[in-house]
Amino acid sequence: MQQAARVSQHTAYFHMGKLVEMGKTEDIFTRPSHKLTENYITGRFG
C-alpha cells in the first residue's frame, strides 16, 4: 500500500466486488470517508 500511496494520484477501494470509495489518493489514505476503507488501510481488516 505504501507503493500505491506514493505513485498514484487516485485510488479506489473495492470490497467483495463493490466500489466502496474512490478519490484522490491523499484523501483516501489520510481521511477515508467509509469505515471499511479506514479498517483496510489501518490493517484492522484484510
N, C-alpha and C. Protein backbone atom coordinates (compact mmCIF):
# COMPACT_ATOMS: atom_id res chain seq x y z
N MET A 1 0.81 -1.18 0.00
CA MET A 1 0.00 0.00 0.00
C MET A 1 0.86 1.25 0.00
N GLN A 2 2.02 1.18 0.58
CA GLN A 2 2.90 2.35 0.58
C GLN A 2 3.26 2.74 -0.85
N GLN A 3 3.51 1.75 -1.68
CA GLN A 3 3.84 2.00 -3.09
C GLN A 3 2.65 2.66 -3.77
N ALA A 4 1.46 2.16 -3.56
CA ALA A 4 0.26 2.74 -4.16
C ALA A 4 0.07 4.19 -3.72
N ALA A 5 0.28 4.44 -2.46
CA ALA A 5 0.13 5.81 -1.94
C ALA A 5 1.18 6.74 -2.53
N ARG A 6 2.33 6.21 -2.83
CA ARG A 6 3.43 7.03 -3.33
C ARG A 6 3.30 7.33 -4.82
N VAL A 7 2.80 6.42 -5.62
CA VAL A 7 2.84 6.59 -7.07
C VAL A 7 1.50 6.92 -7.73
N SER A 8 0.40 6.81 -7.01
CA SER A 8 -0.90 7.04 -7.66
C SER A 8 -1.49 8.39 -7.27
N GLN A 9 -2.27 8.92 -8.18
CA GLN A 9 -2.97 10.18 -7.92
C GLN A 9 -4.39 9.93 -7.43
N HIS A 10 -4.99 8.83 -7.88
CA HIS A 10 -6.33 8.47 -7.48
C HIS A 10 -6.36 7.01 -7.05
N THR A 11 -7.22 6.71 -6.08
CA THR A 11 -7.32 5.36 -5.53
C THR A 11 -8.79 4.97 -5.41
N ALA A 12 -9.05 3.70 -5.64
CA ALA A 12 -10.40 3.16 -5.43
C ALA A 12 -10.28 1.96 -4.50
N TYR A 13 -11.23 1.83 -3.62
CA TYR A 13 -11.27 0.68 -2.71
C TYR A 13 -12.54 -0.11 -3.00
N PHE A 14 -12.35 -1.39 -3.30
CA PHE A 14 -13.46 -2.29 -3.57
C PHE A 14 -13.52 -3.33 -2.46
N HIS A 15 -14.72 -3.72 -2.09
CA HIS A 15 -14.91 -4.78 -1.11
C HIS A 15 -15.96 -5.74 -1.66
N MET A 16 -15.56 -6.99 -1.84
CA MET A 16 -16.44 -8.04 -2.36
C MET A 16 -17.07 -7.63 -3.70
N GLY A 17 -16.24 -7.01 -4.54
CA GLY A 17 -16.67 -6.66 -5.88
C GLY A 17 -17.46 -5.36 -5.99
N LYS A 18 -17.67 -4.67 -4.90
CA LYS A 18 -18.43 -3.42 -4.91
C LYS A 18 -17.51 -2.25 -4.58
N LEU A 19 -17.69 -1.17 -5.32
CA LEU A 19 -16.91 0.04 -5.07
C LEU A 19 -17.37 0.66 -3.76
N VAL A 20 -16.43 0.82 -2.84
CA VAL A 20 -16.74 1.41 -1.54
C VAL A 20 -16.40 2.89 -1.56
N GLU A 21 -15.22 3.22 -2.08
CA GLU A 21 -14.76 4.61 -2.04
C GLU A 21 -13.75 4.84 -3.15
N MET A 22 -13.80 6.03 -3.72
CA MET A 22 -12.88 6.41 -4.78
C MET A 22 -12.59 7.90 -4.64
N GLY A 23 -11.34 8.28 -4.87
CA GLY A 23 -10.98 9.68 -4.78
C GLY A 23 -9.49 9.88 -4.88
N LYS A 24 -9.06 11.08 -4.52
CA LYS A 24 -7.63 11.38 -4.52
C LYS A 24 -6.94 10.49 -3.50
N THR A 25 -5.79 9.97 -3.88
CA THR A 25 -5.06 9.04 -3.02
C THR A 25 -4.79 9.65 -1.65
N GLU A 26 -4.37 10.89 -1.62
CA GLU A 26 -4.07 11.55 -0.34
C GLU A 26 -5.30 11.54 0.57
N ASP A 27 -6.46 11.83 0.02
CA ASP A 27 -7.69 11.84 0.82
C ASP A 27 -8.06 10.44 1.30
N ILE A 28 -7.95 9.47 0.42
CA ILE A 28 -8.29 8.09 0.80
C ILE A 28 -7.39 7.59 1.93
N PHE A 29 -6.10 7.89 1.85
CA PHE A 29 -5.15 7.38 2.85
C PHE A 29 -5.12 8.21 4.13
N THR A 30 -5.55 9.47 4.09
CA THR A 30 -5.48 10.29 5.29
C THR A 30 -6.85 10.58 5.91
N ARG A 31 -7.89 10.63 5.09
CA ARG A 31 -9.23 10.92 5.59
C ARG A 31 -10.27 10.07 4.86
N PRO A 32 -10.23 8.76 5.02
CA PRO A 32 -11.22 7.92 4.33
C PRO A 32 -12.63 8.25 4.81
N SER A 33 -13.58 8.20 3.88
CA SER A 33 -14.97 8.53 4.20
C SER A 33 -15.74 7.34 4.77
N HIS A 34 -15.29 6.14 4.48
CA HIS A 34 -16.02 4.95 4.88
C HIS A 34 -15.20 4.12 5.86
N LYS A 35 -15.88 3.54 6.81
CA LYS A 35 -15.23 2.73 7.85
C LYS A 35 -14.51 1.51 7.25
N LEU A 36 -15.09 0.89 6.23
CA LEU A 36 -14.43 -0.26 5.59
C LEU A 36 -13.07 0.14 5.03
N THR A 37 -13.00 1.28 4.37
CA THR A 37 -11.74 1.77 3.82
C THR A 37 -10.74 2.04 4.93
N GLU A 38 -11.18 2.71 5.97
CA GLU A 38 -10.30 3.02 7.10
C GLU A 38 -9.76 1.74 7.74
N ASN A 39 -10.63 0.76 7.93
CA ASN A 39 -10.19 -0.51 8.53
C ASN A 39 -9.15 -1.21 7.66
N TYR A 40 -9.33 -1.18 6.36
CA TYR A 40 -8.37 -1.83 5.46
C TYR A 40 -7.03 -1.11 5.47
N ILE A 41 -7.06 0.19 5.36
CA ILE A 41 -5.83 0.99 5.31
C ILE A 41 -5.04 0.87 6.61
N THR A 42 -5.72 0.82 7.74
CA THR A 42 -5.03 0.75 9.02
C THR A 42 -4.67 -0.68 9.43
N GLY A 43 -5.06 -1.66 8.61
CA GLY A 43 -4.68 -3.04 8.89
C GLY A 43 -5.62 -3.78 9.81
N ARG A 44 -6.77 -3.19 10.13
CA ARG A 44 -7.73 -3.86 11.01
C ARG A 44 -8.58 -4.87 10.26
N PHE A 45 -8.49 -4.84 8.93
CA PHE A 45 -9.28 -5.75 8.09
C PHE A 45 -8.43 -6.11 6.90
N GLY A 46 -8.45 -7.38 6.53
CA GLY A 46 -7.75 -7.79 5.32
C GLY A 46 -6.42 -8.25 5.56
